[in-house]
N, C-alpha and C. Protein backbone atom coordinates (compact mmCIF):
# COMPACT_ATOMS: atom_id res chain seq x y z
N UNK A 1 0.84 -1.17 0.00
CA UNK A 1 0.00 0.00 0.00
C UNK A 1 0.89 1.24 0.00
N UNK A 2 0.46 2.29 -0.63
CA UNK A 2 1.17 3.55 -0.71
C UNK A 2 1.36 4.14 0.70
N UNK A 3 2.63 4.45 1.05
CA UNK A 3 2.92 4.93 2.41
C UNK A 3 2.17 6.22 2.72
N UNK A 4 2.06 7.10 1.76
CA UNK A 4 1.35 8.36 1.97
C UNK A 4 -0.12 8.11 2.32
N UNK A 5 -0.75 7.16 1.66
CA UNK A 5 -2.14 6.81 1.94
C UNK A 5 -2.27 6.25 3.35
N UNK A 6 -1.35 5.37 3.73
CA UNK A 6 -1.38 4.78 5.08
C UNK A 6 -1.24 5.88 6.13
N UNK A 7 -0.31 6.80 5.91
CA UNK A 7 -0.10 7.90 6.87
C UNK A 7 -1.36 8.75 6.97
N UNK A 8 -2.00 9.04 5.84
CA UNK A 8 -3.24 9.82 5.88
C UNK A 8 -4.33 9.09 6.66
N UNK A 9 -4.40 7.76 6.52
CA UNK A 9 -5.37 6.97 7.29
C UNK A 9 -5.05 7.06 8.78
N UNK A 10 -3.78 6.97 9.13
CA UNK A 10 -3.40 7.02 10.55
C UNK A 10 -3.67 8.40 11.15
N UNK A 11 -3.42 9.45 10.37
CA UNK A 11 -3.73 10.80 10.86
C UNK A 11 -5.24 10.95 11.07
N UNK A 12 -6.02 10.39 10.16
CA UNK A 12 -7.47 10.42 10.32
C UNK A 12 -7.92 9.65 11.55
N UNK A 13 -7.31 8.50 11.78
CA UNK A 13 -7.66 7.68 12.95
C UNK A 13 -7.29 8.42 14.24
N UNK A 14 -6.12 9.05 14.25
CA UNK A 14 -5.69 9.81 15.42
C UNK A 14 -6.70 10.93 15.70
N UNK A 15 -7.11 11.65 14.68
CA UNK A 15 -8.08 12.74 14.83
C UNK A 15 -9.42 12.20 15.32
N UNK A 16 -9.90 11.12 14.73
CA UNK A 16 -11.18 10.54 15.12
C UNK A 16 -11.14 10.11 16.59
N UNK A 17 -10.11 9.37 16.99
CA UNK A 17 -10.03 8.92 18.37
C UNK A 17 -9.93 10.10 19.34
N UNK A 18 -9.21 11.13 18.94
CA UNK A 18 -9.08 12.29 19.82
C UNK A 18 -10.45 12.93 20.04
N UNK A 19 -11.18 13.17 18.96
CA UNK A 19 -12.48 13.82 19.05
C UNK A 19 -13.49 12.92 19.75
N UNK A 20 -13.48 11.63 19.43
CA UNK A 20 -14.48 10.71 19.97
C UNK A 20 -14.23 10.31 21.42
N UNK A 21 -12.97 10.04 21.77
CA UNK A 21 -12.67 9.49 23.08
C UNK A 21 -12.05 10.49 24.05
N UNK A 22 -11.07 11.21 23.60
CA UNK A 22 -10.28 12.04 24.50
C UNK A 22 -10.96 13.38 24.78
N UNK A 23 -11.36 14.08 23.75
CA UNK A 23 -11.89 15.44 23.91
C UNK A 23 -13.04 15.52 24.93
N UNK A 24 -14.01 14.60 24.89
CA UNK A 24 -15.11 14.73 25.86
C UNK A 24 -14.68 14.53 27.31
N UNK A 25 -13.55 13.90 27.54
CA UNK A 25 -13.15 13.56 28.91
C UNK A 25 -11.95 14.32 29.44
N UNK A 26 -11.25 15.04 28.60
CA UNK A 26 -10.03 15.68 29.08
C UNK A 26 -10.35 16.92 29.89
N UNK A 27 -9.55 17.18 30.93
CA UNK A 27 -9.77 18.39 31.72
C UNK A 27 -9.28 19.61 30.96
N UNK A 28 -9.77 20.76 31.30
CA UNK A 28 -9.32 22.01 30.68
C UNK A 28 -8.71 22.87 31.74
N UNK A 29 -7.67 23.62 31.54
CA UNK A 29 -6.78 23.48 30.40
C UNK A 29 -5.78 22.36 30.65
N UNK A 30 -5.24 21.81 29.60
CA UNK A 30 -4.23 20.77 29.71
C UNK A 30 -2.87 21.44 29.57
N UNK A 31 -1.93 21.15 30.48
CA UNK A 31 -0.63 21.82 30.35
C UNK A 31 0.08 21.36 29.09
N UNK A 32 0.59 22.30 28.30
CA UNK A 32 1.28 21.91 27.07
C UNK A 32 2.63 21.28 27.37
N UNK A 33 3.09 20.47 26.42
CA UNK A 33 4.41 19.87 26.52
C UNK A 33 5.46 20.96 26.40
N UNK A 34 6.66 20.61 26.81
CA UNK A 34 7.78 21.53 26.63
C UNK A 34 7.96 21.74 25.13
N UNK A 35 8.11 22.98 24.73
CA UNK A 35 8.27 23.30 23.32
C UNK A 35 9.75 23.43 23.01
N UNK A 36 10.21 22.62 22.10
CA UNK A 36 11.60 22.71 21.68
C UNK A 36 11.66 22.75 20.16
N UNK A 37 12.67 23.41 19.63
CA UNK A 37 12.83 23.50 18.18
C UNK A 37 14.30 23.74 17.88
N UNK A 38 14.79 23.09 16.85
CA UNK A 38 16.19 23.28 16.45
C UNK A 38 16.36 24.56 15.63
N UNK A 39 15.24 25.23 15.29
CA UNK A 39 15.21 26.48 14.54
C UNK A 39 15.82 26.35 13.15
N UNK A 40 15.65 25.20 12.56
CA UNK A 40 16.06 25.00 11.18
C UNK A 40 15.13 25.80 10.29
N UNK A 41 15.64 26.54 9.31
CA UNK A 41 14.77 27.44 8.54
C UNK A 41 13.95 26.79 7.43
N UNK A 42 14.14 25.51 7.14
CA UNK A 42 13.43 24.90 6.01
C UNK A 42 12.06 24.41 6.44
N UNK A 43 11.08 25.26 6.40
CA UNK A 43 9.72 24.92 6.81
C UNK A 43 8.84 24.82 5.57
N UNK A 44 8.21 23.66 5.33
CA UNK A 44 7.30 23.58 4.19
C UNK A 44 6.17 24.60 4.36
N UNK A 45 5.75 25.19 3.27
CA UNK A 45 4.71 26.22 3.34
C UNK A 45 3.38 25.63 3.80
N UNK A 46 3.12 24.39 3.49
CA UNK A 46 1.83 23.78 3.79
C UNK A 46 2.04 22.47 4.53
N UNK A 47 1.34 22.30 5.64
CA UNK A 47 1.43 21.05 6.41
C UNK A 47 0.56 19.96 5.79
N UNK A 48 -0.40 20.35 4.96
CA UNK A 48 -1.30 19.37 4.36
C UNK A 48 -2.06 18.62 5.44
N UNK A 49 -2.19 17.30 5.30
CA UNK A 49 -2.96 16.54 6.29
C UNK A 49 -2.33 16.57 7.68
N UNK A 50 -1.05 16.92 7.75
CA UNK A 50 -0.37 16.97 9.05
C UNK A 50 -0.88 18.13 9.90
N UNK A 51 -1.59 19.08 9.30
CA UNK A 51 -2.11 20.23 10.04
C UNK A 51 -3.05 19.80 11.15
N UNK A 52 -3.65 18.62 11.02
CA UNK A 52 -4.55 18.15 12.07
C UNK A 52 -3.80 18.04 13.41
N UNK A 53 -2.53 17.66 13.36
CA UNK A 53 -1.74 17.59 14.59
C UNK A 53 -1.58 18.97 15.21
N UNK A 54 -1.28 19.96 14.38
CA UNK A 54 -1.12 21.34 14.85
C UNK A 54 -2.42 21.83 15.48
N UNK A 55 -3.55 21.54 14.82
CA UNK A 55 -4.83 22.03 15.30
C UNK A 55 -5.24 21.38 16.62
N UNK A 56 -5.05 20.07 16.75
CA UNK A 56 -5.37 19.39 18.00
C UNK A 56 -4.46 19.90 19.12
N UNK A 57 -3.17 20.00 18.83
CA UNK A 57 -2.22 20.47 19.84
C UNK A 57 -2.53 21.90 20.26
N UNK A 58 -2.94 22.75 19.33
CA UNK A 58 -3.30 24.13 19.67
C UNK A 58 -4.46 24.14 20.66
N UNK A 59 -5.42 23.24 20.47
CA UNK A 59 -6.55 23.14 21.39
C UNK A 59 -6.08 22.68 22.77
N UNK A 60 -4.96 21.96 22.81
CA UNK A 60 -4.41 21.50 24.09
C UNK A 60 -3.55 22.57 24.76
N UNK A 61 -3.35 23.69 24.08
CA UNK A 61 -2.57 24.77 24.66
C UNK A 61 -1.16 24.90 24.11
N UNK A 62 -0.81 24.07 23.14
CA UNK A 62 0.52 24.15 22.53
C UNK A 62 0.48 25.26 21.48
N UNK A 63 1.41 26.21 21.53
CA UNK A 63 1.41 27.28 20.53
C UNK A 63 1.52 26.71 19.11
N UNK A 64 0.78 27.32 18.18
CA UNK A 64 0.85 26.88 16.78
C UNK A 64 2.23 27.11 16.20
N UNK A 65 2.87 28.17 16.62
CA UNK A 65 4.19 28.51 16.11
C UNK A 65 5.21 28.39 17.23
N UNK A 66 6.44 28.21 16.84
CA UNK A 66 7.54 28.11 17.80
C UNK A 66 7.69 29.44 18.52
N UNK A 67 7.66 29.45 19.87
CA UNK A 67 7.80 30.71 20.59
C UNK A 67 9.16 31.36 20.37
N UNK A 68 10.15 30.59 20.00
CA UNK A 68 11.49 31.14 19.77
C UNK A 68 11.70 31.49 18.30
N UNK A 69 10.62 31.46 17.51
CA UNK A 69 10.72 31.67 16.07
C UNK A 69 11.28 33.05 15.75
N UNK A 70 12.32 33.04 14.98
CA UNK A 70 12.93 34.29 14.51
C UNK A 70 13.06 34.21 12.99
N UNK A 71 11.94 33.96 12.33
CA UNK A 71 11.97 33.89 10.88
C UNK A 71 11.84 32.48 10.35
N UNK A 72 11.56 31.51 11.18
CA UNK A 72 11.38 30.15 10.70
C UNK A 72 11.81 29.14 11.74
N UNK A 73 11.04 28.11 11.88
CA UNK A 73 11.43 27.04 12.79
C UNK A 73 11.29 25.72 12.05
N UNK A 74 11.79 24.68 12.63
CA UNK A 74 11.82 23.38 11.99
C UNK A 74 10.46 22.70 12.04
N UNK A 75 9.92 22.35 10.89
CA UNK A 75 8.62 21.68 10.82
C UNK A 75 8.66 20.32 11.50
N UNK A 76 9.79 19.61 11.40
CA UNK A 76 9.90 18.30 12.05
C UNK A 76 9.81 18.46 13.56
N UNK A 77 10.50 19.46 14.10
CA UNK A 77 10.43 19.72 15.54
C UNK A 77 9.01 20.09 15.97
N UNK A 78 8.32 20.86 15.15
CA UNK A 78 6.95 21.25 15.49
C UNK A 78 6.04 20.02 15.48
N UNK A 79 6.17 19.16 14.47
CA UNK A 79 5.34 17.95 14.42
C UNK A 79 5.63 17.08 15.64
N UNK A 80 6.90 16.96 16.01
CA UNK A 80 7.26 16.17 17.20
C UNK A 80 6.60 16.76 18.44
N UNK A 81 6.65 18.09 18.59
CA UNK A 81 6.04 18.75 19.74
C UNK A 81 4.54 18.51 19.77
N UNK A 82 3.88 18.68 18.61
CA UNK A 82 2.43 18.48 18.54
C UNK A 82 2.07 17.03 18.89
N UNK A 83 2.73 16.09 18.27
CA UNK A 83 2.40 14.67 18.47
C UNK A 83 2.67 14.23 19.91
N UNK A 84 3.75 14.71 20.49
CA UNK A 84 4.06 14.36 21.88
C UNK A 84 2.98 14.91 22.82
N UNK A 85 2.56 16.15 22.59
CA UNK A 85 1.51 16.74 23.43
C UNK A 85 0.21 15.95 23.33
N UNK A 86 -0.13 15.52 22.11
CA UNK A 86 -1.34 14.72 21.92
C UNK A 86 -1.22 13.40 22.66
N UNK A 87 -0.10 12.72 22.52
CA UNK A 87 0.10 11.44 23.21
C UNK A 87 0.06 11.61 24.72
N UNK A 88 0.64 12.69 25.24
CA UNK A 88 0.60 12.96 26.68
C UNK A 88 -0.83 13.19 27.15
N UNK A 89 -1.59 13.93 26.37
CA UNK A 89 -3.00 14.17 26.70
C UNK A 89 -3.78 12.86 26.72
N UNK A 90 -3.56 12.03 25.69
CA UNK A 90 -4.25 10.75 25.63
C UNK A 90 -3.92 9.90 26.86
N UNK A 91 -2.64 9.80 27.20
CA UNK A 91 -2.22 8.96 28.32
C UNK A 91 -2.82 9.47 29.64
N UNK A 92 -2.78 10.78 29.87
CA UNK A 92 -3.31 11.29 31.13
C UNK A 92 -4.84 11.16 31.18
N UNK A 93 -5.51 11.39 30.05
CA UNK A 93 -6.97 11.25 30.01
C UNK A 93 -7.37 9.80 30.22
N UNK A 94 -6.68 8.89 29.55
CA UNK A 94 -6.98 7.46 29.73
C UNK A 94 -6.73 7.03 31.18
N UNK A 95 -5.63 7.45 31.75
CA UNK A 95 -5.31 7.07 33.13
C UNK A 95 -6.43 7.47 34.08
N UNK A 96 -6.89 8.71 33.95
CA UNK A 96 -7.99 9.18 34.80
C UNK A 96 -9.27 8.40 34.53
N UNK A 97 -9.58 8.16 33.26
CA UNK A 97 -10.83 7.47 32.91
C UNK A 97 -10.86 6.04 33.45
N UNK A 98 -9.70 5.39 33.46
CA UNK A 98 -9.66 4.00 33.91
C UNK A 98 -9.33 3.88 35.39
N UNK A 99 -9.03 5.01 36.04
CA UNK A 99 -8.71 4.97 37.46
C UNK A 99 -7.40 4.27 37.75
N UNK A 100 -6.41 4.43 36.86
CA UNK A 100 -5.09 3.81 37.07
C UNK A 100 -4.02 4.89 37.01
N UNK A 101 -2.93 4.62 37.68
CA UNK A 101 -1.78 5.51 37.57
C UNK A 101 -1.01 5.12 36.33
N UNK A 102 -0.56 6.11 35.60
CA UNK A 102 0.26 5.83 34.42
C UNK A 102 1.55 5.17 34.87
N UNK A 103 1.99 4.19 34.13
CA UNK A 103 3.25 3.52 34.44
C UNK A 103 4.40 4.50 34.26
N UNK A 104 5.50 4.32 34.98
CA UNK A 104 6.62 5.26 34.85
C UNK A 104 7.14 5.40 33.41
N UNK A 105 7.08 4.35 32.64
CA UNK A 105 7.61 4.40 31.27
C UNK A 105 6.65 5.09 30.29
N UNK A 106 5.46 5.46 30.74
CA UNK A 106 4.49 6.08 29.84
C UNK A 106 5.02 7.39 29.27
N UNK A 107 5.73 8.20 30.07
CA UNK A 107 6.29 9.45 29.54
C UNK A 107 7.27 9.18 28.42
N UNK A 108 8.08 8.15 28.58
CA UNK A 108 9.02 7.78 27.51
C UNK A 108 8.24 7.35 26.27
N UNK A 109 7.17 6.61 26.47
CA UNK A 109 6.39 6.12 25.34
C UNK A 109 5.67 7.26 24.62
N UNK A 110 5.21 8.28 25.35
CA UNK A 110 4.56 9.40 24.66
C UNK A 110 5.58 10.18 23.84
N UNK A 111 6.81 10.28 24.32
CA UNK A 111 7.87 10.91 23.52
C UNK A 111 8.20 10.04 22.31
N UNK A 112 8.12 8.73 22.46
CA UNK A 112 8.36 7.82 21.34
C UNK A 112 7.31 8.05 20.25
N UNK A 113 6.05 8.23 20.65
CA UNK A 113 5.00 8.53 19.66
C UNK A 113 5.37 9.80 18.90
N UNK A 114 5.80 10.83 19.61
CA UNK A 114 6.20 12.08 18.96
C UNK A 114 7.33 11.86 17.98
N UNK A 115 8.33 11.07 18.39
CA UNK A 115 9.46 10.77 17.50
C UNK A 115 9.03 9.97 16.27
N UNK A 116 8.14 8.99 16.49
CA UNK A 116 7.69 8.16 15.38
C UNK A 116 6.93 8.98 14.34
N UNK A 117 6.02 9.81 14.80
CA UNK A 117 5.22 10.62 13.88
C UNK A 117 6.10 11.64 13.17
N UNK A 118 7.02 12.28 13.91
CA UNK A 118 7.93 13.26 13.31
C UNK A 118 8.82 12.60 12.26
N UNK A 119 9.25 11.37 12.52
CA UNK A 119 10.08 10.65 11.56
C UNK A 119 9.33 10.39 10.27
N UNK A 120 8.06 9.99 10.38
CA UNK A 120 7.25 9.75 9.18
C UNK A 120 7.04 11.05 8.42
N UNK A 121 6.80 12.14 9.15
CA UNK A 121 6.64 13.44 8.52
C UNK A 121 7.91 13.83 7.76
N UNK A 122 9.06 13.71 8.41
CA UNK A 122 10.33 14.08 7.78
C UNK A 122 10.57 13.25 6.52
N UNK A 123 10.28 11.96 6.60
CA UNK A 123 10.50 11.07 5.46
C UNK A 123 9.58 11.41 4.29
N UNK A 124 8.30 11.59 4.56
CA UNK A 124 7.34 11.83 3.48
C UNK A 124 7.45 13.22 2.88
N UNK A 125 7.86 14.20 3.67
CA UNK A 125 7.96 15.57 3.15
C UNK A 125 9.38 15.92 2.75
N UNK A 126 10.30 14.98 2.93
CA UNK A 126 11.71 15.20 2.60
C UNK A 126 12.23 16.46 3.31
N UNK A 127 11.88 16.56 4.59
CA UNK A 127 12.27 17.71 5.40
C UNK A 127 13.38 17.30 6.35
N UNK A 128 14.45 18.06 6.33
CA UNK A 128 15.58 17.78 7.21
C UNK A 128 15.41 18.50 8.54
N UNK A 129 16.05 17.97 9.55
CA UNK A 129 16.05 18.57 10.89
C UNK A 129 17.49 18.56 11.37
N UNK A 130 17.92 19.65 11.98
CA UNK A 130 19.32 19.71 12.40
C UNK A 130 19.58 18.98 13.72
N UNK A 131 18.53 18.44 14.33
CA UNK A 131 18.72 17.61 15.52
C UNK A 131 19.34 16.29 15.10
N UNK A 132 19.94 15.58 16.07
CA UNK A 132 20.45 14.25 15.72
C UNK A 132 19.30 13.37 15.21
N UNK A 133 19.61 12.35 14.40
CA UNK A 133 18.55 11.47 13.88
C UNK A 133 17.71 10.92 15.03
N UNK A 134 16.44 10.72 14.74
CA UNK A 134 15.53 10.20 15.75
C UNK A 134 15.92 8.78 16.13
N UNK A 135 15.99 8.54 17.41
CA UNK A 135 16.31 7.22 17.92
C UNK A 135 15.07 6.64 18.57
N UNK A 136 14.53 5.58 18.01
CA UNK A 136 13.34 4.98 18.59
C UNK A 136 13.72 4.06 19.73
N UNK A 137 12.97 4.20 20.78
CA UNK A 137 13.12 3.28 21.91
C UNK A 137 12.11 2.16 21.69
N UNK A 138 12.49 0.93 21.97
CA UNK A 138 11.50 -0.12 21.81
C UNK A 138 10.32 0.19 22.74
N UNK A 139 9.12 -0.01 22.25
CA UNK A 139 8.00 0.33 23.11
C UNK A 139 7.44 -0.89 23.80
N UNK A 140 6.94 -0.62 25.00
CA UNK A 140 6.26 -1.66 25.75
C UNK A 140 4.86 -1.14 26.01
N UNK A 141 3.95 -2.03 26.26
CA UNK A 141 2.56 -1.65 26.48
C UNK A 141 2.44 -0.75 27.69
N UNK A 142 1.63 0.29 27.55
CA UNK A 142 1.39 1.21 28.65
C UNK A 142 0.19 0.77 29.48
N UNK A 143 -0.61 -0.14 28.93
CA UNK A 143 -1.85 -0.54 29.60
C UNK A 143 -2.98 0.43 29.30
N UNK A 144 -2.71 1.39 28.42
CA UNK A 144 -3.70 2.38 28.01
C UNK A 144 -4.01 2.11 26.53
N UNK A 145 -5.17 1.52 26.23
CA UNK A 145 -5.43 1.03 24.87
C UNK A 145 -5.24 2.05 23.74
N UNK A 146 -5.72 3.27 23.90
CA UNK A 146 -5.57 4.25 22.82
C UNK A 146 -4.11 4.64 22.64
N UNK A 147 -3.42 4.87 23.74
CA UNK A 147 -2.01 5.23 23.68
C UNK A 147 -1.20 4.08 23.09
N UNK A 148 -1.51 2.85 23.50
CA UNK A 148 -0.82 1.68 22.95
C UNK A 148 -1.06 1.56 21.45
N UNK A 149 -2.29 1.88 21.01
CA UNK A 149 -2.57 1.80 19.58
C UNK A 149 -1.75 2.84 18.82
N UNK A 150 -1.62 4.04 19.38
CA UNK A 150 -0.75 5.05 18.75
C UNK A 150 0.66 4.51 18.58
N UNK A 151 1.19 3.92 19.64
CA UNK A 151 2.55 3.38 19.60
C UNK A 151 2.69 2.31 18.53
N UNK A 152 1.75 1.40 18.49
CA UNK A 152 1.81 0.27 17.56
C UNK A 152 1.67 0.72 16.11
N UNK A 153 0.66 1.54 15.84
CA UNK A 153 0.39 1.93 14.46
C UNK A 153 1.47 2.82 13.87
N UNK A 154 2.06 3.70 14.67
CA UNK A 154 3.07 4.61 14.14
C UNK A 154 4.46 4.01 14.16
N UNK A 155 4.66 2.89 14.85
CA UNK A 155 5.98 2.25 14.85
C UNK A 155 6.33 1.75 13.46
N UNK A 156 5.35 1.20 12.77
CA UNK A 156 5.57 0.67 11.42
C UNK A 156 4.27 0.84 10.63
N UNK A 157 3.99 2.05 10.15
CA UNK A 157 2.74 2.26 9.42
C UNK A 157 2.58 1.29 8.26
N UNK A 158 1.39 0.73 8.19
CA UNK A 158 1.09 -0.19 7.11
C UNK A 158 1.35 -1.64 7.47
N UNK A 159 2.07 -1.88 8.57
CA UNK A 159 2.36 -3.26 8.96
C UNK A 159 1.38 -3.79 9.99
N UNK A 160 0.94 -2.93 10.92
CA UNK A 160 -0.01 -3.36 11.94
C UNK A 160 -1.43 -3.13 11.41
N UNK A 161 -2.35 -4.03 11.72
CA UNK A 161 -3.72 -3.82 11.25
C UNK A 161 -4.33 -2.59 11.92
N UNK A 162 -5.07 -1.80 11.15
CA UNK A 162 -5.68 -0.59 11.69
C UNK A 162 -6.98 -0.91 12.41
N UNK A 163 -7.47 -2.11 12.24
CA UNK A 163 -8.70 -2.50 12.93
C UNK A 163 -8.34 -3.07 14.29
N UNK A 164 -9.16 -2.75 15.27
CA UNK A 164 -8.95 -3.27 16.61
C UNK A 164 -10.29 -3.27 17.34
N UNK A 165 -10.28 -3.79 18.55
CA UNK A 165 -11.50 -3.79 19.36
C UNK A 165 -11.98 -2.37 19.62
N UNK A 166 -11.07 -1.39 19.54
CA UNK A 166 -11.46 0.00 19.77
C UNK A 166 -12.44 0.50 18.72
N UNK A 167 -12.48 -0.15 17.57
CA UNK A 167 -13.42 0.25 16.52
C UNK A 167 -14.87 0.05 16.96
N UNK A 168 -15.09 -0.77 17.98
CA UNK A 168 -16.43 -1.06 18.44
C UNK A 168 -16.81 -0.23 19.66
N UNK A 169 -15.96 0.72 20.01
CA UNK A 169 -16.21 1.59 21.16
C UNK A 169 -16.66 2.96 20.70
N UNK A 170 -17.56 3.57 21.47
CA UNK A 170 -18.06 4.90 21.15
C UNK A 170 -17.59 5.94 22.15
N UNK A 171 -17.00 5.49 23.26
CA UNK A 171 -16.53 6.43 24.28
C UNK A 171 -15.49 5.71 25.15
N UNK A 172 -14.87 6.48 26.04
CA UNK A 172 -13.91 5.85 26.96
C UNK A 172 -14.63 4.91 27.93
N UNK A 173 -15.92 5.16 28.18
CA UNK A 173 -16.67 4.23 29.03
C UNK A 173 -16.72 2.85 28.39
N UNK A 174 -16.87 2.80 27.07
CA UNK A 174 -16.85 1.52 26.36
C UNK A 174 -15.48 0.85 26.45
N UNK A 175 -14.43 1.66 26.42
CA UNK A 175 -13.08 1.11 26.55
C UNK A 175 -12.89 0.53 27.94
N UNK A 176 -13.45 1.19 28.96
CA UNK A 176 -13.39 0.67 30.33
C UNK A 176 -14.05 -0.70 30.40
N UNK A 177 -15.21 -0.84 29.77
CA UNK A 177 -15.91 -2.13 29.74
C UNK A 177 -15.05 -3.17 29.02
N UNK A 178 -14.45 -2.77 27.92
CA UNK A 178 -13.59 -3.67 27.17
C UNK A 178 -12.42 -4.14 28.03
N UNK A 179 -11.81 -3.22 28.77
CA UNK A 179 -10.70 -3.58 29.66
C UNK A 179 -11.15 -4.55 30.75
N UNK A 180 -12.31 -4.31 31.32
CA UNK A 180 -12.83 -5.20 32.37
C UNK A 180 -13.11 -6.59 31.82
N UNK A 181 -13.64 -6.63 30.59
CA UNK A 181 -13.95 -7.92 29.97
C UNK A 181 -12.68 -8.73 29.69
N UNK A 182 -11.58 -8.04 29.39
CA UNK A 182 -10.34 -8.73 29.06
C UNK A 182 -9.44 -8.98 30.25
N UNK A 183 -9.86 -8.52 31.44
CA UNK A 183 -8.99 -8.72 32.61
C UNK A 183 -9.38 -9.95 33.38
């Protein structure tokens, strides 16, 4: 399957799950992730389908533009910041909804999601970043189904099936029932 098509499907799935599951349950305001940027000047004029990450992250309180911007910032760094903030929001919202404490490695895993998505963005848009190459950490299950699905699907787009038991859920309450049924 065409990698660009797969990525567009995954971005759509991320947006759908955010609106359907996370948005109704997340507290307001959510603290934004630390914003970092290598300030590389090669920024594509259009984010295209990737703009959904910027828009969701902006709703979470992450600035749309790099606060240190002096004429251009790195699009890869921005995508990483947006995706990490989204993953952090998902993990904290899921933890509260399920009444569990996030595992200590969950923060590492949310940064891994950011790195994975930024890597796909850099590859598909042929955008360079002056930061060292992204190093993926092997991921382990967080015990948070939506966050785990983000990790799995973005680790190797097109290799993991996009269908899951989550397709039959309409809210985080349904995911709670699903978790209880599988425990």
